Amino acid sequence: MDRRLTQRGEERRRQLMAYAADRFADNGYHPTSVAEIVEGLGVGKGVFYWYFDSKEELLRAILADGQLDLRRRQRAAIAGAEGPMERIERGIRASIEWSLEQRVFFRLFQFAATDDRFADNLRKGEQVAVRDAAKHVADAMAAGEIPDRDPVLLAHAMLGVTTHLVQLDHRGLMKATPEAIDSCVAFCLGGISRV
């Protein structure tokens, strides 16, 4: 019985987060109120405050979930890769594909980067992503697959290229077709491979 209540509670928490994420992405964080969120779900404010102390805490939880989901996707993509360059290629592709599919999370990440209340938490997640990518780049350098340079700088460069492609797609300025994704991946791999 207790386990079902816990599962039911977790399901309710997830519903709140999913609905709020959609509202924040569509209407903006600031204009979206707790009242609008609970009204849209047909629950009372007490339900909201059972799970979250504030709207800020709710968005932090949503952002953390998004970053964790992206990392899971990347880890699954690189599992079983033959070597560091294949891990890098698979990781880049997984990041782009996830960001294209997860428009709500991507929009919320973009907003959070501009708001001091959320930027630090977002940066911590980005630092983990850069550190992970830099490790694979350093492994490729150690294997003699790419020239010896600053792996952290190269990881930042790859993140910038992939993020920009996704931004262009989300803003409707360019379609991230499979060919465009392939070109972006090739550009990143070529960029880290050049002397």
N, C-alpha and C. Protein backbone atom coordinates (compact mmCIF):
# COMPACT_ATOMS: atom_id res chain seq x y z
N MET A 1 0.83 -1.19 0.00
CA MET A 1 0.00 0.00 0.00
C MET A 1 0.87 1.25 0.00
N ASP A 2 1.88 1.29 0.90
CA ASP A 2 2.76 2.45 0.95
C ASP A 2 3.49 2.65 -0.37
N ARG A 3 3.89 1.54 -1.00
CA ARG A 3 4.62 1.64 -2.25
C ARG A 3 3.74 2.24 -3.35
N ARG A 4 2.47 1.85 -3.39
CA ARG A 4 1.56 2.42 -4.40
C ARG A 4 1.38 3.90 -4.16
N LEU A 5 1.29 4.31 -2.90
CA LEU A 5 1.16 5.74 -2.61
C LEU A 5 2.41 6.48 -3.07
N THR A 6 3.57 5.88 -2.87
CA THR A 6 4.81 6.50 -3.31
C THR A 6 4.84 6.58 -4.83
N GLN A 7 4.45 5.51 -5.50
CA GLN A 7 4.41 5.53 -6.96
C GLN A 7 3.40 6.55 -7.46
N ARG A 8 2.25 6.60 -6.82
CA ARG A 8 1.21 7.55 -7.20
C ARG A 8 1.69 8.98 -6.96
N GLY A 9 2.39 9.18 -5.85
CA GLY A 9 2.93 10.51 -5.56
C GLY A 9 3.98 10.92 -6.57
N GLU A 10 4.83 9.98 -6.95
CA GLU A 10 5.86 10.28 -7.95
C GLU A 10 5.21 10.57 -9.30
N GLU A 11 4.17 9.83 -9.62
CA GLU A 11 3.45 10.08 -10.88
C GLU A 11 2.82 11.48 -10.86
N ARG A 12 2.23 11.87 -9.75
CA ARG A 12 1.63 13.21 -9.64
C ARG A 12 2.70 14.29 -9.76
N ARG A 13 3.84 14.07 -9.13
CA ARG A 13 4.96 15.03 -9.21
C ARG A 13 5.42 15.17 -10.66
N ARG A 14 5.54 14.05 -11.36
CA ARG A 14 5.95 14.06 -12.78
C ARG A 14 4.92 14.80 -13.64
N GLN A 15 3.64 14.59 -13.36
CA GLN A 15 2.59 15.30 -14.11
C GLN A 15 2.71 16.81 -13.91
N LEU A 16 2.93 17.21 -12.67
CA LEU A 16 3.12 18.64 -12.39
C LEU A 16 4.31 19.20 -13.17
N MET A 17 5.41 18.47 -13.14
CA MET A 17 6.62 18.93 -13.82
C MET A 17 6.41 19.00 -15.34
N ALA A 18 5.78 17.97 -15.91
CA ALA A 18 5.58 17.95 -17.36
C ALA A 18 4.64 19.07 -17.80
N TYR A 19 3.56 19.26 -17.06
CA TYR A 19 2.61 20.31 -17.42
C TYR A 19 3.26 21.69 -17.27
N ALA A 20 3.96 21.89 -16.17
CA ALA A 20 4.62 23.17 -15.93
C ALA A 20 5.69 23.44 -16.99
N ALA A 21 6.45 22.42 -17.36
CA ALA A 21 7.49 22.59 -18.38
C ALA A 21 6.87 23.08 -19.68
N ASP A 22 5.76 22.47 -20.09
CA ASP A 22 5.07 22.90 -21.31
C ASP A 22 4.60 24.35 -21.19
N ARG A 23 4.02 24.69 -20.05
CA ARG A 23 3.51 26.06 -19.86
C ARG A 23 4.67 27.06 -19.86
N PHE A 24 5.75 26.74 -19.17
CA PHE A 24 6.91 27.65 -19.14
C PHE A 24 7.48 27.84 -20.54
N ALA A 25 7.57 26.75 -21.30
CA ALA A 25 8.13 26.84 -22.65
C ALA A 25 7.22 27.61 -23.59
N ASP A 26 5.91 27.43 -23.45
CA ASP A 26 4.96 28.10 -24.34
C ASP A 26 4.72 29.56 -23.97
N ASN A 27 4.54 29.83 -22.68
CA ASN A 27 4.13 31.17 -22.24
C ASN A 27 5.24 31.96 -21.58
N GLY A 28 6.33 31.31 -21.24
CA GLY A 28 7.40 31.96 -20.50
C GLY A 28 7.30 31.64 -19.03
N TYR A 29 8.44 31.65 -18.38
CA TYR A 29 8.48 31.33 -16.95
C TYR A 29 7.77 32.38 -16.12
N HIS A 30 8.10 33.64 -16.35
CA HIS A 30 7.56 34.71 -15.50
C HIS A 30 6.04 34.85 -15.60
N PRO A 31 5.45 34.81 -16.80
CA PRO A 31 3.99 34.96 -16.87
C PRO A 31 3.20 33.76 -16.34
N THR A 32 3.84 32.60 -16.25
CA THR A 32 3.13 31.39 -15.81
C THR A 32 3.11 31.34 -14.29
N SER A 33 1.92 31.25 -13.73
CA SER A 33 1.78 31.24 -12.27
C SER A 33 1.51 29.84 -11.75
N VAL A 34 1.74 29.67 -10.46
CA VAL A 34 1.41 28.40 -9.80
C VAL A 34 -0.09 28.14 -9.95
N ALA A 35 -0.89 29.18 -9.80
CA ALA A 35 -2.35 29.04 -9.94
C ALA A 35 -2.71 28.49 -11.32
N GLU A 36 -2.07 29.00 -12.36
CA GLU A 36 -2.35 28.52 -13.72
C GLU A 36 -1.97 27.04 -13.87
N ILE A 37 -0.85 26.66 -13.26
CA ILE A 37 -0.40 25.27 -13.35
C ILE A 37 -1.39 24.33 -12.68
N VAL A 38 -1.76 24.63 -11.44
CA VAL A 38 -2.67 23.72 -10.73
C VAL A 38 -4.07 23.74 -11.34
N GLU A 39 -4.48 24.89 -11.82
CA GLU A 39 -5.79 24.99 -12.48
C GLU A 39 -5.81 24.13 -13.75
N GLY A 40 -4.75 24.20 -14.52
CA GLY A 40 -4.65 23.42 -15.74
C GLY A 40 -4.67 21.92 -15.49
N LEU A 41 -4.13 21.51 -14.35
CA LEU A 41 -4.11 20.09 -14.00
C LEU A 41 -5.36 19.66 -13.24
N GLY A 42 -6.13 20.65 -12.78
CA GLY A 42 -7.33 20.34 -12.02
C GLY A 42 -7.05 19.87 -10.60
N VAL A 43 -5.98 20.41 -10.00
CA VAL A 43 -5.65 20.08 -8.61
C VAL A 43 -5.56 21.37 -7.80
N GLY A 44 -5.54 21.23 -6.48
CA GLY A 44 -5.42 22.39 -5.62
C GLY A 44 -3.96 22.81 -5.42
N LYS A 45 -3.79 24.02 -4.92
CA LYS A 45 -2.43 24.52 -4.66
C LYS A 45 -1.69 23.66 -3.64
N GLY A 46 -2.45 23.03 -2.74
CA GLY A 46 -1.83 22.17 -1.74
C GLY A 46 -1.05 21.04 -2.38
N VAL A 47 -1.55 20.53 -3.49
CA VAL A 47 -0.85 19.45 -4.20
C VAL A 47 0.49 19.98 -4.71
N PHE A 48 0.47 21.17 -5.29
CA PHE A 48 1.71 21.76 -5.79
C PHE A 48 2.71 21.92 -4.65
N TYR A 49 2.26 22.53 -3.55
CA TYR A 49 3.18 22.81 -2.44
C TYR A 49 3.56 21.57 -1.64
N TRP A 50 2.89 20.46 -1.87
CA TRP A 50 3.32 19.20 -1.27
C TRP A 50 4.65 18.76 -1.89
N TYR A 51 4.81 19.03 -3.19
CA TYR A 51 5.99 18.58 -3.93
C TYR A 51 7.06 19.65 -4.11
N PHE A 52 6.66 20.92 -4.17
CA PHE A 52 7.61 22.00 -4.46
C PHE A 52 7.34 23.18 -3.53
N ASP A 53 8.41 23.78 -3.03
CA ASP A 53 8.27 24.95 -2.16
C ASP A 53 7.94 26.21 -2.94
N SER A 54 8.30 26.24 -4.22
CA SER A 54 8.11 27.45 -5.02
C SER A 54 8.16 27.12 -6.50
N LYS A 55 7.78 28.08 -7.30
CA LYS A 55 7.88 27.95 -8.75
C LYS A 55 9.34 27.82 -9.17
N GLU A 56 10.23 28.52 -8.47
CA GLU A 56 11.67 28.41 -8.76
C GLU A 56 12.17 26.99 -8.54
N GLU A 57 11.77 26.39 -7.42
CA GLU A 57 12.20 25.02 -7.14
C GLU A 57 11.67 24.07 -8.21
N LEU A 58 10.45 24.30 -8.66
CA LEU A 58 9.86 23.49 -9.71
C LEU A 58 10.70 23.57 -10.99
N LEU A 59 11.06 24.78 -11.42
CA LEU A 59 11.85 24.90 -12.64
C LEU A 59 13.23 24.28 -12.46
N ARG A 60 13.83 24.43 -11.29
CA ARG A 60 15.13 23.79 -11.05
C ARG A 60 15.02 22.27 -11.21
N ALA A 61 13.95 21.70 -10.69
CA ALA A 61 13.74 20.25 -10.81
C ALA A 61 13.54 19.85 -12.27
N ILE A 62 12.81 20.65 -13.02
CA ILE A 62 12.60 20.38 -14.44
C ILE A 62 13.92 20.43 -15.19
N LEU A 63 14.72 21.46 -14.92
CA LEU A 63 16.02 21.60 -15.60
C LEU A 63 16.94 20.44 -15.25
N ALA A 64 16.97 20.06 -13.99
CA ALA A 64 17.82 18.93 -13.57
C ALA A 64 17.38 17.64 -14.26
N ASP A 65 16.07 17.43 -14.36
CA ASP A 65 15.55 16.25 -15.05
C ASP A 65 15.96 16.25 -16.52
N GLY A 66 15.87 17.41 -17.15
CA GLY A 66 16.25 17.50 -18.55
C GLY A 66 17.72 17.19 -18.77
N GLN A 67 18.56 17.76 -17.92
CA GLN A 67 19.99 17.50 -18.06
C GLN A 67 20.31 16.03 -17.81
N LEU A 68 19.65 15.43 -16.84
CA LEU A 68 19.86 14.01 -16.56
C LEU A 68 19.39 13.15 -17.74
N ASP A 69 18.26 13.50 -18.32
CA ASP A 69 17.75 12.76 -19.47
C ASP A 69 18.72 12.84 -20.65
N LEU A 70 19.28 14.02 -20.89
CA LEU A 70 20.26 14.19 -21.96
C LEU A 70 21.49 13.33 -21.70
N ARG A 71 21.99 13.33 -20.47
CA ARG A 71 23.18 12.53 -20.14
C ARG A 71 22.90 11.04 -20.33
N ARG A 72 21.71 10.60 -19.95
CA ARG A 72 21.35 9.19 -20.15
C ARG A 72 21.36 8.85 -21.64
N ARG A 73 20.83 9.74 -22.43
CA ARG A 73 20.79 9.51 -23.89
C ARG A 73 22.21 9.42 -24.44
N GLN A 74 23.07 10.32 -24.00
CA GLN A 74 24.46 10.30 -24.47
C GLN A 74 25.17 9.01 -24.04
N ARG A 75 24.99 8.63 -22.78
CA ARG A 75 25.64 7.40 -22.28
C ARG A 75 25.18 6.18 -23.05
N ALA A 76 23.88 6.11 -23.32
CA ALA A 76 23.35 4.97 -24.09
C ALA A 76 23.93 4.97 -25.50
N ALA A 77 24.08 6.14 -26.07
CA ALA A 77 24.59 6.25 -27.45
C ALA A 77 26.04 5.80 -27.56
N ILE A 78 26.85 6.11 -26.57
CA ILE A 78 28.28 5.78 -26.67
C ILE A 78 28.61 4.38 -26.16
N ALA A 79 27.64 3.73 -25.54
CA ALA A 79 27.89 2.37 -25.03
C ALA A 79 28.26 1.46 -26.20
N GLY A 80 29.32 0.73 -26.01
CA GLY A 80 29.76 -0.22 -27.02
C GLY A 80 30.55 0.37 -28.18
N ALA A 81 30.86 1.65 -28.11
CA ALA A 81 31.65 2.28 -29.17
C ALA A 81 33.05 1.67 -29.19
N GLU A 82 33.61 1.57 -30.37
CA GLU A 82 34.92 0.94 -30.56
C GLU A 82 36.08 1.74 -29.96
N GLY A 83 36.02 3.04 -30.04
CA GLY A 83 37.13 3.86 -29.55
C GLY A 83 36.67 5.28 -29.29
N PRO A 84 37.61 6.15 -28.88
CA PRO A 84 37.23 7.51 -28.50
C PRO A 84 36.58 8.32 -29.61
N MET A 85 37.05 8.21 -30.84
CA MET A 85 36.44 8.99 -31.93
C MET A 85 35.00 8.54 -32.20
N GLU A 86 34.75 7.26 -32.09
CA GLU A 86 33.37 6.79 -32.26
C GLU A 86 32.50 7.26 -31.10
N ARG A 87 33.05 7.28 -29.88
CA ARG A 87 32.29 7.79 -28.74
C ARG A 87 31.95 9.27 -28.95
N ILE A 88 32.93 10.03 -29.43
CA ILE A 88 32.70 11.46 -29.68
C ILE A 88 31.60 11.63 -30.74
N GLU A 89 31.72 10.91 -31.84
CA GLU A 89 30.73 11.02 -32.92
C GLU A 89 29.34 10.66 -32.43
N ARG A 90 29.23 9.55 -31.72
CA ARG A 90 27.92 9.13 -31.21
C ARG A 90 27.36 10.12 -30.18
N GLY A 91 28.24 10.65 -29.34
CA GLY A 91 27.81 11.63 -28.34
C GLY A 91 27.29 12.91 -28.96
N ILE A 92 27.99 13.40 -29.99
CA ILE A 92 27.55 14.61 -30.69
C ILE A 92 26.18 14.38 -31.31
N ARG A 93 26.06 13.27 -32.02
CA ARG A 93 24.79 12.96 -32.71
C ARG A 93 23.65 12.81 -31.69
N ALA A 94 23.90 12.13 -30.60
CA ALA A 94 22.86 11.94 -29.57
C ALA A 94 22.44 13.27 -28.97
N SER A 95 23.40 14.16 -28.75
CA SER A 95 23.08 15.48 -28.19
C SER A 95 22.20 16.30 -29.12
N ILE A 96 22.55 16.28 -30.39
CA ILE A 96 21.74 17.02 -31.38
C ILE A 96 20.34 16.44 -31.46
N GLU A 97 20.25 15.14 -31.61
CA GLU A 97 18.94 14.50 -31.77
C GLU A 97 18.06 14.71 -30.55
N TRP A 98 18.65 14.58 -29.35
CA TRP A 98 17.87 14.80 -28.13
C TRP A 98 17.36 16.24 -28.09
N SER A 99 18.23 17.19 -28.38
CA SER A 99 17.85 18.61 -28.32
C SER A 99 16.78 18.96 -29.34
N LEU A 100 16.80 18.30 -30.49
CA LEU A 100 15.76 18.53 -31.49
C LEU A 100 14.43 17.93 -31.05
N GLU A 101 14.49 16.75 -30.44
CA GLU A 101 13.28 16.07 -29.98
C GLU A 101 12.68 16.73 -28.74
N GLN A 102 13.53 17.20 -27.87
CA GLN A 102 13.09 17.74 -26.57
C GLN A 102 13.04 19.27 -26.62
N ARG A 103 12.16 19.78 -27.48
CA ARG A 103 12.05 21.23 -27.70
C ARG A 103 11.76 21.97 -26.39
N VAL A 104 10.90 21.40 -25.56
CA VAL A 104 10.53 22.07 -24.30
C VAL A 104 11.76 22.23 -23.42
N PHE A 105 12.49 21.14 -23.20
CA PHE A 105 13.70 21.24 -22.37
C PHE A 105 14.70 22.21 -22.98
N PHE A 106 14.90 22.12 -24.29
CA PHE A 106 15.88 23.00 -24.94
C PHE A 106 15.49 24.46 -24.74
N ARG A 107 14.23 24.79 -24.91
CA ARG A 107 13.77 26.18 -24.71
C ARG A 107 13.98 26.62 -23.27
N LEU A 108 13.70 25.72 -22.34
CA LEU A 108 13.88 26.06 -20.92
C LEU A 108 15.36 26.23 -20.59
N PHE A 109 16.23 25.42 -21.19
CA PHE A 109 17.67 25.60 -20.99
C PHE A 109 18.10 26.97 -21.49
N GLN A 110 17.59 27.37 -22.65
CA GLN A 110 17.95 28.66 -23.22
C GLN A 110 17.49 29.80 -22.29
N PHE A 111 16.28 29.70 -21.76
CA PHE A 111 15.79 30.71 -20.83
C PHE A 111 16.65 30.73 -19.56
N ALA A 112 16.87 29.55 -18.99
CA ALA A 112 17.59 29.46 -17.71
C ALA A 112 18.98 30.05 -17.80
N ALA A 113 19.61 29.96 -18.96
CA ALA A 113 20.95 30.51 -19.13
C ALA A 113 20.96 32.03 -19.01
N THR A 114 19.79 32.66 -19.15
CA THR A 114 19.70 34.12 -19.10
C THR A 114 19.20 34.65 -17.76
N ASP A 115 18.85 33.77 -16.85
CA ASP A 115 18.28 34.19 -15.57
C ASP A 115 19.21 33.78 -14.43
N ASP A 116 19.67 34.74 -13.66
CA ASP A 116 20.64 34.48 -12.59
C ASP A 116 20.18 33.43 -11.59
N ARG A 117 18.87 33.31 -11.38
CA ARG A 117 18.37 32.33 -10.41
C ARG A 117 18.62 30.89 -10.85
N PHE A 118 18.76 30.67 -12.17
CA PHE A 118 18.87 29.32 -12.70
C PHE A 118 20.18 29.07 -13.43
N ALA A 119 20.87 30.13 -13.81
CA ALA A 119 22.06 30.00 -14.65
C ALA A 119 23.16 29.17 -13.99
N ASP A 120 23.38 29.35 -12.68
CA ASP A 120 24.43 28.59 -12.00
C ASP A 120 24.18 27.09 -12.05
N ASN A 121 22.94 26.69 -11.78
CA ASN A 121 22.61 25.26 -11.83
C ASN A 121 22.79 24.72 -13.25
N LEU A 122 22.37 25.49 -14.22
CA LEU A 122 22.51 25.07 -15.61
C LEU A 122 23.99 24.96 -15.98
N ARG A 123 24.79 25.92 -15.56
CA ARG A 123 26.22 25.89 -15.86
C ARG A 123 26.90 24.67 -15.26
N LYS A 124 26.47 24.27 -14.07
CA LYS A 124 27.05 23.07 -13.45
C LYS A 124 26.80 21.85 -14.34
N GLY A 125 25.60 21.73 -14.86
CA GLY A 125 25.30 20.63 -15.77
C GLY A 125 26.11 20.72 -17.05
N GLU A 126 26.27 21.93 -17.57
CA GLU A 126 27.09 22.11 -18.78
C GLU A 126 28.54 21.76 -18.51
N GLN A 127 29.03 22.10 -17.32
CA GLN A 127 30.42 21.77 -16.97
C GLN A 127 30.63 20.25 -16.96
N VAL A 128 29.64 19.53 -16.47
CA VAL A 128 29.72 18.06 -16.47
C VAL A 128 29.77 17.56 -17.91
N ALA A 129 28.91 18.12 -18.77
CA ALA A 129 28.89 17.70 -20.18
C ALA A 129 30.22 18.00 -20.87
N VAL A 130 30.77 19.18 -20.60
CA VAL A 130 32.05 19.56 -21.20
C VAL A 130 33.16 18.65 -20.67
N ARG A 131 33.14 18.39 -19.38
CA ARG A 131 34.16 17.52 -18.79
C ARG A 131 34.10 16.11 -19.40
N ASP A 132 32.88 15.59 -19.58
CA ASP A 132 32.72 14.27 -20.19
C ASP A 132 33.25 14.26 -21.62
N ALA A 133 32.88 15.27 -22.41
CA ALA A 133 33.33 15.34 -23.80
C ALA A 133 34.85 15.52 -23.86
N ALA A 134 35.38 16.35 -22.98
CA ALA A 134 36.83 16.60 -22.96
C ALA A 134 37.59 15.31 -22.65
N LYS A 135 37.02 14.46 -21.81
CA LYS A 135 37.67 13.18 -21.49
C LYS A 135 37.79 12.33 -22.75
N HIS A 136 36.73 12.28 -23.54
CA HIS A 136 36.77 11.49 -24.78
C HIS A 136 37.76 12.09 -25.78
N VAL A 137 37.81 13.42 -25.84
CA VAL A 137 38.77 14.10 -26.72
C VAL A 137 40.20 13.78 -26.26
N ALA A 138 40.44 13.85 -24.96
CA ALA A 138 41.77 13.53 -24.42
C ALA A 138 42.13 12.07 -24.71
N ASP A 139 41.16 11.17 -24.61
CA ASP A 139 41.41 9.77 -24.94
C ASP A 139 41.80 9.62 -26.41
N ALA A 140 41.13 10.38 -27.30
CA ALA A 140 41.48 10.34 -28.72
C ALA A 140 42.88 10.89 -28.96
N MET A 141 43.27 11.90 -28.20
CA MET A 141 44.63 12.44 -28.30
C MET A 141 45.65 11.39 -27.83
N ALA A 142 45.35 10.75 -26.72
CA ALA A 142 46.26 9.73 -26.18
C ALA A 142 46.40 8.55 -27.14
N ALA A 143 45.35 8.26 -27.89
CA ALA A 143 45.39 7.16 -28.86
C ALA A 143 46.04 7.59 -30.18
N GLY A 144 46.40 8.88 -30.27
CA GLY A 144 47.03 9.39 -31.49
C GLY A 144 46.05 9.62 -32.64
N GLU A 145 44.75 9.66 -32.32
CA GLU A 145 43.73 9.84 -33.36
C GLU A 145 43.53 11.30 -33.75
N ILE A 146 43.86 12.21 -32.84
CA ILE A 146 43.76 13.64 -33.13
C ILE A 146 44.96 14.36 -32.53
N PRO A 147 45.29 15.54 -33.06
CA PRO A 147 46.44 16.28 -32.53
C PRO A 147 46.24 16.68 -31.07
N ASP A 148 47.34 16.83 -30.40
CA ASP A 148 47.33 17.20 -28.99
C ASP A 148 47.04 18.69 -28.84
N ARG A 149 45.87 19.01 -28.29
CA ARG A 149 45.46 20.40 -28.03
C ARG A 149 44.66 20.43 -26.74
N ASP A 150 44.05 21.56 -26.45
CA ASP A 150 43.27 21.71 -25.23
C ASP A 150 41.93 20.99 -25.38
N PRO A 151 41.74 19.85 -24.70
CA PRO A 151 40.50 19.09 -24.87
C PRO A 151 39.26 19.83 -24.36
N VAL A 152 39.43 20.66 -23.33
CA VAL A 152 38.28 21.40 -22.80
C VAL A 152 37.81 22.44 -23.81
N LEU A 153 38.75 23.14 -24.42
CA LEU A 153 38.39 24.12 -25.45
C LEU A 153 37.68 23.44 -26.61
N LEU A 154 38.18 22.31 -27.05
CA LEU A 154 37.55 21.58 -28.15
C LEU A 154 36.14 21.10 -27.76
N ALA A 155 35.97 20.67 -26.53
CA ALA A 155 34.64 20.25 -26.07
C ALA A 155 33.67 21.43 -26.09
N HIS A 156 34.13 22.60 -25.65
CA HIS A 156 33.28 23.80 -25.70
C HIS A 156 32.92 24.15 -27.14
N ALA A 157 33.89 24.03 -28.04
CA ALA A 157 33.64 24.35 -29.45
C ALA A 157 32.57 23.42 -30.03
N MET A 158 32.66 22.13 -29.73
CA MET A 158 31.66 21.18 -30.24
C MET A 158 30.28 21.51 -29.67
N LEU A 159 30.23 21.84 -28.39
CA LEU A 159 28.95 22.19 -27.76
C LEU A 159 28.36 23.43 -28.43
N GLY A 160 29.20 24.41 -28.73
CA GLY A 160 28.71 25.62 -29.38
C GLY A 160 28.15 25.35 -30.76
N VAL A 161 28.83 24.53 -31.55
CA VAL A 161 28.37 24.22 -32.90
C VAL A 161 27.04 23.47 -32.86
N THR A 162 26.95 22.48 -32.01
CA THR A 162 25.72 21.68 -31.96
C THR A 162 24.55 22.48 -31.42
N THR A 163 24.80 23.30 -30.42
CA THR A 163 23.73 24.14 -29.85
C THR A 163 23.21 25.12 -30.88
N HIS A 164 24.12 25.70 -31.67
CA HIS A 164 23.69 26.67 -32.67
C HIS A 164 22.82 26.01 -33.74
N LEU A 165 23.19 24.82 -34.18
CA LEU A 165 22.36 24.12 -35.16
C LEU A 165 20.95 23.91 -34.62
N VAL A 166 20.85 23.47 -33.38
CA VAL A 166 19.53 23.22 -32.78
C VAL A 166 18.75 24.53 -32.65
N GLN A 167 19.42 25.61 -32.26
CA GLN A 167 18.75 26.92 -32.16
C GLN A 167 18.17 27.32 -33.51
N LEU A 168 18.93 27.16 -34.56
CA LEU A 168 18.45 27.52 -35.90
C LEU A 168 17.21 26.71 -36.26
N ASP A 169 17.22 25.43 -35.94
CA ASP A 169 16.06 24.59 -36.23
C ASP A 169 14.85 25.04 -35.41
N HIS A 170 15.03 25.24 -34.12
CA HIS A 170 13.91 25.62 -33.27
C HIS A 170 13.33 26.98 -33.64
N ARG A 171 14.15 27.86 -34.15
CA ARG A 171 13.67 29.19 -34.55
C ARG A 171 13.11 29.18 -35.97
N GLY A 172 13.16 28.04 -36.64
CA GLY A 172 12.62 27.92 -37.98
C GLY A 172 13.48 28.56 -39.06
N LEU A 173 14.75 28.83 -38.74
CA LEU A 173 15.64 29.47 -39.71
C LEU A 173 16.36 28.46 -40.60
N MET A 174 16.40 27.21 -40.15
CA MET A 174 17.03 26.16 -40.92
C MET A 174 16.51 24.83 -40.40
N LYS A 175 16.26 23.90 -41.27
CA LYS A 175 15.77 22.58 -40.85
C LYS A 175 16.96 21.67 -40.60
N ALA A 176 16.99 21.07 -39.43
CA ALA A 176 18.06 20.13 -39.08
C ALA A 176 17.72 18.77 -39.66
N THR A 177 17.89 18.65 -40.95
CA THR A 177 17.64 17.39 -41.66
C THR A 177 18.72 16.39 -41.28
N PRO A 178 18.52 15.12 -41.60
CA PRO A 178 19.60 14.15 -41.34
C PRO A 178 20.92 14.57 -42.01
N GLU A 179 20.82 15.16 -43.19
CA GLU A 179 22.03 15.61 -43.89
C GLU A 179 22.69 16.76 -43.12
N ALA A 180 21.88 17.68 -42.59
CA ALA A 180 22.43 18.80 -41.81
C ALA A 180 23.09 18.29 -40.54
N ILE A 181 22.47 17.31 -39.90
CA ILE A 181 23.06 16.72 -38.70
C ILE A 181 24.38 16.04 -39.05
N ASP A 182 24.39 15.29 -40.14
CA ASP A 182 25.62 14.64 -40.57
C ASP A 182 26.72 15.67 -40.83
N SER A 183 26.36 16.78 -41.48
CA SER A 183 27.34 17.84 -41.77
C SER A 183 27.88 18.46 -40.48
N CYS A 184 27.01 18.67 -39.51
CA CYS A 184 27.42 19.25 -38.22
C CYS A 184 28.38 18.29 -37.50
N VAL A 185 28.02 17.02 -37.49
CA VAL A 185 28.88 16.02 -36.85
C VAL A 185 30.24 15.97 -37.56
N ALA A 186 30.21 15.96 -38.88
CA ALA A 186 31.46 15.91 -39.65
C ALA A 186 32.30 17.16 -39.40
N PHE A 187 31.65 18.31 -39.29
CA PHE A 187 32.35 19.56 -39.02
C PHE A 187 33.05 19.49 -37.65
N CYS A 188 32.35 19.00 -36.64
CA CYS A 188 32.94 18.88 -35.31
C CYS A 188 34.11 17.90 -35.32
N LEU A 189 33.92 16.76 -35.93
CA LEU A 189 35.01 15.76 -35.97
C LEU A 189 36.20 16.28 -36.77
N GLY A 190 35.92 16.94 -37.88
CA GLY A 190 36.99 17.53 -38.68
C GLY A 190 37.72 18.62 -37.94
N GLY A 191 36.96 19.42 -37.19
CA GLY A 191 37.55 20.51 -36.42
C GLY A 191 38.51 20.04 -35.35
N ILE A 192 38.18 18.94 -34.68
CA ILE A 192 39.09 18.46 -33.63
C ILE A 192 40.23 17.64 -34.20
N SER A 193 40.08 17.17 -35.46
CA SER A 193 41.11 16.33 -36.08
C SER A 193 42.21 17.11 -36.80
N ARG A 194 41.95 18.38 -37.09
CA ARG A 194 42.92 19.18 -37.86
C ARG A 194 44.08 19.64 -36.99
N VAL A 195 45.21 19.75 -37.62
CA VAL A 195 46.42 20.21 -36.92
C VAL A 195 46.40 21.71 -36.80
